[in-house]
Amino acid sequence: METNPNWFLRARLKTRQLLLLIALDEQRNIHRASEELHMTQPAASKQLKDLEEMLGVQLFDRLPRGMEPTIYGETMIRHARMALTSLSMAHEDIVAIKAGLAGQVDIGTIMTPGIALLPQAITRTKQAAPRLRIGVEMEQSNVLLEQLQRGRLDFMIGRIPERQSAQGLSYEELGDEPACAVVRPGHPLLSARNLQLRDISSQPWILPPQGSILRARCELMFRRAGLEVPFNVIDTTAVLMIKPLLQQTDALNVMPVAVAQYYESQGVLKILPIELPCRMDAYGIIMVDGHLMSPGAQLLLRYVREVAREIY
């Protein structure tokens, strides 16, 4: 059999031959298959014979009462269905482009790129394709990965957790996630000079729940410095809860620097003048291998990469 990847070009493989394979698989009879495709039986037989000679294998066993695909036939039938599905999607995509990139794109993101990266990418995408509907889910990486693998997301921006299998996924790194300590505007520690970890370890804290990566990294940071981990703690990641708690108390909160910078620009909180030896793992674009993305999803992905190059 021809092994060159362009064999089908030199052999002039016809779409009609792919349709015939599928019709024969469904009808198991050359006469009924040719009728379905509005061909004469001799023409259908010749198309099949030409294809078998081209491949150098027998695709169907001729039986007294019909036809059965051989193992080679089953392989070609499967790929014929995939090829025709892809061509059908190509037509739908062309129609979508002509209509101004209408349709739906669904993506997932963790918090940092959801605040620093994605809004810019979405803004540029909507300028290019106003009728494109974009759905965004902001969640932890493990939740988003489950949705991605179930086909509910076109792609996501996050991490592949250590315990999660990366099989069947592609990962394109974008950046990492350093953390910082934040407080309310006017907090007494903002005027302190040369802040050290020992100055903040005994303070009240708002931290991510036990079991989260950021909580573990934060506690490890204090232990490595020979300090007790904070004991006066409220566990939550809900920003709508964290903001009023910070404003009404002298508690500290740990959050990714990019997120903190955004809220500081809004006047909601202040970043403490201390560099924390604490950071999250790198994150990136995660897709399912072989997933055929619509033109709208490809456009958004292009702008995500473009903005990421500018930011990171």
Protein backbone atom coordinates (compact mmCIF):
# COMPACT_ATOMS: atom_id res chain seq x y z
CA MET A 1 0.00 0.00 0.00
CA GLU A 2 1.19 3.57 -0.71
CA THR A 3 2.66 5.01 2.51
CA ASN A 4 3.28 8.57 1.30
CA PRO A 5 0.97 10.93 3.26
CA ASN A 6 -0.14 12.51 -0.04
CA TRP A 7 -1.16 9.24 -1.67
CA PHE A 8 -4.79 10.34 -1.90
CA LEU A 9 -3.78 13.39 -3.97
CA ARG A 10 -1.85 11.34 -6.50
CA ALA A 11 -4.55 8.72 -6.60
CA ARG A 12 -7.24 11.42 -7.07
CA LEU A 13 -9.43 10.00 -4.36
CA LYS A 14 -13.00 11.08 -5.01
CA THR A 15 -15.56 12.23 -2.45
CA ARG A 16 -18.01 9.95 -4.28
CA GLN A 17 -15.84 6.95 -3.37
CA LEU A 18 -16.03 7.93 0.30
CA LEU A 19 -19.81 8.24 0.03
CA LEU A 20 -19.93 4.81 -1.64
CA LEU A 21 -17.97 3.23 1.23
CA ILE A 22 -20.46 4.58 3.76
CA ALA A 23 -23.46 3.52 1.65
CA LEU A 24 -22.02 0.00 1.27
CA ASP A 25 -21.42 -0.19 5.02
CA GLU A 26 -25.03 0.76 5.70
CA GLN A 27 -26.69 -1.25 2.90
CA ARG A 28 -24.26 -4.20 2.62
CA ASN A 29 -25.47 -4.51 -0.97
CA ILE A 30 -23.91 -2.90 -4.09
CA HIS A 31 -27.28 -2.55 -5.85
CA ARG A 32 -28.99 -0.71 -2.96
CA ALA A 33 -25.88 1.40 -2.31
CA SER A 34 -25.67 2.52 -5.94
CA GLU A 35 -29.40 3.37 -5.95
CA GLU A 36 -28.93 5.47 -2.80
CA LEU A 37 -26.18 7.46 -4.55
CA HIS A 38 -28.11 7.63 -7.88
CA MET A 39 -25.38 5.65 -9.66
CA THR A 40 -25.59 2.65 -11.90
CA GLN A 41 -24.43 -0.60 -10.34
CA PRO A 42 -21.56 -1.04 -12.86
CA ALA A 43 -20.34 2.51 -12.06
CA ALA A 44 -20.44 1.79 -8.32
CA SER A 45 -18.58 -1.51 -8.81
CA LYS A 46 -15.90 0.27 -10.84
CA GLN A 47 -15.50 3.00 -8.20
CA LEU A 48 -15.00 0.35 -5.50
CA LYS A 49 -12.59 -1.68 -7.65
CA ASP A 50 -10.55 1.44 -8.45
CA LEU A 51 -10.31 2.26 -4.75
CA GLU A 52 -9.24 -1.29 -3.83
CA GLU A 53 -6.58 -1.28 -6.57
CA MET A 54 -5.39 2.13 -5.40
CA LEU A 55 -4.97 0.85 -1.82
CA GLY A 56 -3.77 -2.62 -2.75
CA VAL A 57 -6.23 -4.34 -0.40
CA GLN A 58 -9.70 -5.85 -0.53
CA LEU A 59 -12.18 -3.58 1.28
CA PHE A 60 -15.26 -5.84 1.10
CA ASP A 61 -15.83 -9.59 1.01
CA ARG A 62 -18.34 -10.43 -1.74
CA LEU A 63 -20.85 -12.89 -0.26
CA PRO A 64 -23.75 -14.76 -1.94
CA ARG A 65 -26.24 -12.39 -0.30
CA GLY A 66 -24.42 -9.13 0.01
CA MET A 67 -21.09 -7.68 1.14
CA GLU A 68 -19.15 -7.47 4.40
CA PRO A 69 -16.32 -4.99 5.07
CA THR A 70 -12.91 -6.53 5.72
CA ILE A 71 -10.65 -5.13 8.45
CA TYR A 72 -9.23 -2.81 5.77
CA GLY A 73 -12.73 -1.82 4.76
CA GLU A 74 -13.73 -1.01 8.34
CA THR A 75 -10.66 1.22 8.66
CA MET A 76 -11.41 3.10 5.44
CA ILE A 77 -15.10 3.46 6.34
CA ARG A 78 -14.21 4.99 9.70
CA HIS A 79 -11.85 7.50 8.10
CA ALA A 80 -14.32 8.22 5.29
CA ARG A 81 -16.93 9.20 7.88
CA MET A 82 -14.39 11.44 9.66
CA ALA A 83 -13.33 13.08 6.40
CA LEU A 84 -16.90 13.81 5.31
CA THR A 85 -17.79 15.14 8.77
CA SER A 86 -14.80 17.45 8.59
CA LEU A 87 -15.82 18.67 5.12
CA SER A 88 -19.34 19.31 6.39
CA MET A 89 -17.94 21.33 9.29
CA ALA A 90 -15.74 23.26 6.86
CA HIS A 91 -18.85 24.27 4.92
CA GLU A 92 -20.59 25.36 8.12
CA ASP A 93 -17.51 27.39 9.10
CA ILE A 94 -17.41 29.11 5.71
CA VAL A 95 -21.09 30.01 6.08
CA ALA A 96 -20.36 31.34 9.59
CA ILE A 97 -17.48 33.48 8.34
CA LYS A 98 -19.64 34.91 5.54
CA ALA A 99 -22.31 35.68 8.13
CA GLY A 100 -19.84 37.61 10.29
CA LEU A 101 -18.58 34.85 12.57
CA ALA A 102 -21.84 34.14 14.33
CA GLY A 103 -22.12 31.21 16.69
CA GLN A 104 -21.07 30.27 20.23
CA VAL A 105 -17.62 29.90 21.82
CA ASP A 106 -17.32 28.51 25.35
CA ILE A 107 -14.08 28.79 27.30
CA GLY A 108 -12.92 28.33 30.89
CA THR A 109 -10.33 30.23 32.88
CA ILE A 110 -8.76 30.42 36.31
CA MET A 111 -8.81 33.79 38.10
CA THR A 112 -5.51 35.46 37.12
CA PRO A 113 -5.83 35.18 33.30
CA GLY A 114 -9.56 35.77 33.75
CA ILE A 115 -8.78 39.26 35.05
CA ALA A 116 -5.48 40.18 33.40
CA LEU A 117 -5.60 38.48 29.99
CA LEU A 118 -9.02 37.35 28.89
CA PRO A 119 -10.97 40.66 29.01
CA GLN A 120 -8.52 42.19 26.50
CA ALA A 121 -8.66 39.13 24.24
CA ILE A 122 -12.47 39.06 24.34
CA THR A 123 -12.67 42.81 23.60
CA ARG A 124 -10.52 42.40 20.48
CA THR A 125 -12.50 39.35 19.40
CA LYS A 126 -15.84 41.16 19.74
CA GLN A 127 -14.48 44.09 17.73
CA ALA A 128 -13.67 41.68 14.90
CA ALA A 129 -16.84 39.55 15.28
CA PRO A 130 -19.64 41.41 17.11
CA ARG A 131 -22.18 38.62 16.54
CA LEU A 132 -20.01 35.92 18.08
CA ARG A 133 -21.42 34.78 21.43
CA ILE A 134 -18.70 34.10 24.00
CA GLY A 135 -19.38 32.14 27.19
CA VAL A 136 -16.79 32.26 29.98
CA GLU A 137 -16.60 29.94 33.00
CA MET A 138 -14.24 31.00 35.83
CA GLU A 139 -13.40 28.06 38.07
CA GLN A 140 -10.57 25.98 39.48
CA SER A 141 -8.51 24.02 36.95
CA ASN A 142 -9.79 20.57 37.97
CA VAL A 143 -13.42 21.66 37.46
CA LEU A 144 -12.64 23.24 34.08
CA LEU A 145 -10.68 20.18 32.91
CA GLU A 146 -13.68 17.96 33.53
CA GLN A 147 -15.88 20.28 31.46
CA LEU A 148 -13.24 20.48 28.72
CA GLN A 149 -12.98 16.70 28.46
CA ARG A 150 -16.78 16.41 28.29
CA GLY A 151 -16.80 18.75 25.30
CA ARG A 152 -18.48 21.66 27.09
CA LEU A 153 -15.54 24.02 26.51
CA ASP A 154 -13.66 24.83 23.30
CA PHE A 155 -10.48 25.47 25.31
CA MET A 156 -9.43 26.63 28.76
CA ILE A 157 -6.71 28.66 30.43
CA GLY A 158 -5.46 26.96 33.58
CA ARG A 159 -3.30 24.17 34.91
CA ILE A 160 -3.20 20.40 34.63
CA PRO A 161 -3.07 19.29 38.29
CA GLU A 162 -0.28 16.88 39.23
CA ARG A 163 -2.69 14.02 39.91
CA GLN A 164 -4.63 14.58 36.68
CA SER A 165 -3.68 12.68 33.54
CA ALA A 166 -2.59 14.92 30.65
CA GLN A 167 -3.29 12.18 28.11
CA GLY A 168 -5.29 13.50 25.18
CA LEU A 169 -4.61 17.13 26.13
CA SER A 170 -2.29 19.76 24.67
CA TYR A 171 -0.73 22.42 26.91
CA GLU A 172 0.75 25.76 25.81
CA GLU A 173 2.36 27.64 28.71
CA LEU A 174 1.53 31.34 29.13
CA GLY A 175 2.88 32.52 32.50
CA ASP A 176 3.22 31.84 36.21
CA GLU A 177 1.34 33.27 39.19
CA PRO A 178 3.26 35.00 42.03
CA ALA A 179 1.21 35.78 45.13
CA CYS A 180 1.07 38.83 47.40
CA ALA A 181 -0.59 39.98 50.64
CA VAL A 182 -3.41 42.54 50.44
CA VAL A 183 -5.22 44.64 53.04
CA ARG A 184 -7.84 47.40 53.19
CA PRO A 185 -6.78 50.98 52.35
CA GLY A 186 -5.58 52.66 55.55
CA HIS A 187 -4.41 49.43 57.18
CA PRO A 188 -1.75 50.06 59.91
CA LEU A 189 0.78 47.70 58.24
CA LEU A 190 0.87 49.87 55.10
CA SER A 191 2.98 52.44 56.95
CA ALA A 192 5.35 49.85 58.44
CA ARG A 193 8.96 49.84 57.27
CA ASN A 194 10.87 46.74 56.19
CA LEU A 195 7.99 44.32 56.70
CA GLN A 196 9.05 40.71 57.34
CA LEU A 197 7.13 37.42 57.36
CA ARG A 198 7.30 37.31 61.17
CA ASP A 199 5.38 40.63 61.25
CA ILE A 200 2.41 39.16 59.40
CA SER A 201 2.29 35.51 60.49
CA SER A 202 0.30 36.23 63.68
CA GLN A 203 -2.12 38.63 61.97
CA PRO A 204 -5.73 37.62 61.15
CA TRP A 205 -5.93 36.18 57.63
CA ILE A 206 -8.47 35.37 54.93
CA LEU A 207 -7.06 32.35 53.07
CA PRO A 208 -8.19 29.83 50.46
CA PRO A 209 -9.69 26.68 52.04
CA GLN A 210 -7.56 23.79 53.31
CA GLY A 211 -6.66 21.45 50.45
CA SER A 212 -6.21 24.23 47.89
CA ILE A 213 -2.80 24.70 46.26
CA LEU A 214 -2.46 28.36 47.26
CA ARG A 215 -3.30 27.58 50.92
CA ALA A 216 -0.67 24.83 50.98
CA ARG A 217 1.95 27.10 49.38
CA CYS A 218 1.12 29.91 51.82
CA GLU A 219 1.45 27.69 54.90
CA LEU A 220 4.67 26.17 53.53
CA MET A 221 6.07 29.71 53.15
CA PHE A 222 5.68 30.36 56.90
CA ARG A 223 7.00 26.93 57.93
CA ARG A 224 10.13 27.35 55.79
CA ALA A 225 10.79 30.62 57.60
CA GLY A 226 10.52 28.80 60.96
CA LEU A 227 7.22 30.50 61.82
CA GLU A 228 3.85 29.23 62.99
CA VAL A 229 1.19 29.21 60.29
CA PRO A 230 -1.61 31.76 60.82
CA PHE A 231 -4.22 30.49 63.30
CA ASN A 232 -6.80 33.31 63.12
CA VAL A 233 -8.13 32.43 59.68
CA ILE A 234 -11.32 32.73 57.64
CA ASP A 235 -11.45 30.20 54.79
CA THR A 236 -12.93 31.48 51.51
CA THR A 237 -12.07 32.27 47.89
CA ALA A 238 -15.29 34.23 47.25
CA VAL A 239 -14.19 37.72 46.22
CA LEU A 240 -17.64 39.14 47.05
CA MET A 241 -17.04 37.96 50.65
CA ILE A 242 -13.34 38.85 50.82
CA LYS A 243 -13.82 42.53 49.86
CA PRO A 244 -16.21 43.49 52.71
CA LEU A 245 -14.25 41.36 55.22
CA LEU A 246 -11.06 43.24 54.34
CA GLN A 247 -12.83 46.60 54.53
CA GLN A 248 -14.36 45.88 57.95
CA THR A 249 -11.34 44.24 59.64
CA ASP A 250 -7.55 44.38 59.79
CA ALA A 251 -7.29 40.93 58.16
CA LEU A 252 -4.79 40.12 55.42
CA ASN A 253 -5.56 38.13 52.31
CA VAL A 254 -3.25 36.29 49.91
CA MET A 255 -4.06 36.47 46.20
CA PRO A 256 -2.29 36.36 42.83
CA VAL A 257 -0.41 39.59 42.08
CA ALA A 258 -2.26 40.25 38.81
CA VAL A 259 -5.63 39.97 40.57
CA ALA A 260 -4.45 42.20 43.44
CA GLN A 261 -3.16 44.84 41.02
CA TYR A 262 -6.56 44.98 39.35
CA TYR A 263 -8.42 45.49 42.65
CA GLU A 264 -5.81 48.02 43.81
CA SER A 265 -6.41 50.03 40.62
CA GLN A 266 -10.11 50.10 41.56
CA GLY A 267 -9.27 51.47 45.03
CA VAL A 268 -10.73 48.39 46.72
CA LEU A 269 -7.57 47.19 48.48
CA LYS A 270 -3.83 47.77 48.83
CA ILE A 271 -0.88 45.44 48.26
CA LEU A 272 1.36 45.16 51.32
CA PRO A 273 4.99 46.23 50.70
CA ILE A 274 6.45 42.77 51.26
CA GLU A 275 7.54 40.25 48.63
CA LEU A 276 6.12 36.85 49.50
CA PRO A 277 8.24 33.78 48.65
CA CYS A 278 5.04 32.11 47.46
CA ARG A 279 3.81 31.44 43.93
CA MET A 280 1.49 29.16 42.05
CA ASP A 281 2.59 26.87 39.21
CA ALA A 282 2.57 28.13 35.63
CA TYR A 283 -0.69 28.05 33.69
CA GLY A 284 -1.45 27.91 29.98
CA ILE A 285 -3.88 27.18 27.16
CA ILE A 286 -5.27 23.65 27.39
CA MET A 287 -7.12 21.95 24.53
CA VAL A 288 -8.31 18.44 23.71
CA ASP A 289 -6.07 16.86 21.06
CA GLY A 290 -7.78 16.61 17.69
CA HIS A 291 -10.66 18.94 18.65
CA LEU A 292 -11.78 20.84 15.54
CA MET A 293 -12.42 24.39 16.68
CA SER A 294 -14.86 26.70 14.96
CA PRO A 295 -13.56 29.88 13.28
CA GLY A 296 -14.94 31.89 16.22
CA ALA A 297 -12.99 29.80 18.75
CA GLN A 298 -9.87 30.05 16.58
CA LEU A 299 -10.26 33.84 16.45
CA LEU A 300 -10.56 34.13 20.23
CA LEU A 301 -7.59 31.79 20.70
CA ARG A 302 -5.54 33.94 18.34
CA TYR A 303 -6.24 37.06 20.42
CA VAL A 304 -5.52 35.18 23.67
CA ARG A 305 -2.06 34.36 22.31
CA GLU A 306 -1.58 37.91 21.01
CA VAL A 307 -2.46 39.54 24.36
CA ALA A 308 -0.38 36.94 26.25
CA ARG A 309 2.70 37.91 24.21
CA GLU A 310 2.14 41.56 25.15
CA ILE A 311 1.56 40.87 28.87
CA TYR A 312 4.02 38.09 29.58
